[in-house]
Amino acid sequence: MNNDLTEDAIFEHNVVMININASIEDRSAYHAVRYAWKVNPKTVSQAEYVLAVAHGKIVGVFIADKWKVATLENFPEYPNVAAEGRFGFVGRDAPKEIIDLYMGKRISSDYRKKGASNPIRYNYEYNARKNSIVRKVFSNGERINFRKKST
């Protein structure tokens, strides 16, 4: 449980959570979260929403319309970022009701492992061979799974 009064997000959708602590200071949440991450494009494309996370709190909720290889051609607005082997997305704000559902809430410590350095977290696991998704759901600190066939 958190030591502040902010409630933890309860995920009703498949989401990718991207920690933007290092870049939120000098740009908007959207521009900080959309470029350039080491992700598997097949896995990240299963996310219904992209959550920008700063200091454990959700600061932006977006829909990734398309994930693209992070090149200068695809993202000319980022000329000074080395991005070999990385991806970014072109997207938009999520609908208001989805933003209201997640914005300002904390990411449960079940998804934030102390000392973990990867800024990318998923609340699901995607199996491309089986074309299936297993959503990671926690109850009282214990993981329970929610299975859903990918479409």
Foldseek 3Di string as FASTA:
>chain_A
DDPDDFAAAADPFKEKEFEQQPPVVPDPLQVSQFDWAQDDQVWRLRGQWYFYDYPQATAAIWGFPDKDQDDCVVPVVPVPDDHPNIIGGDTGGDPPVVCVRGHGHGHDVLQVDPPDDHRITIQWDADVVQQWIWGWGDDPSDTDIDIDHHD
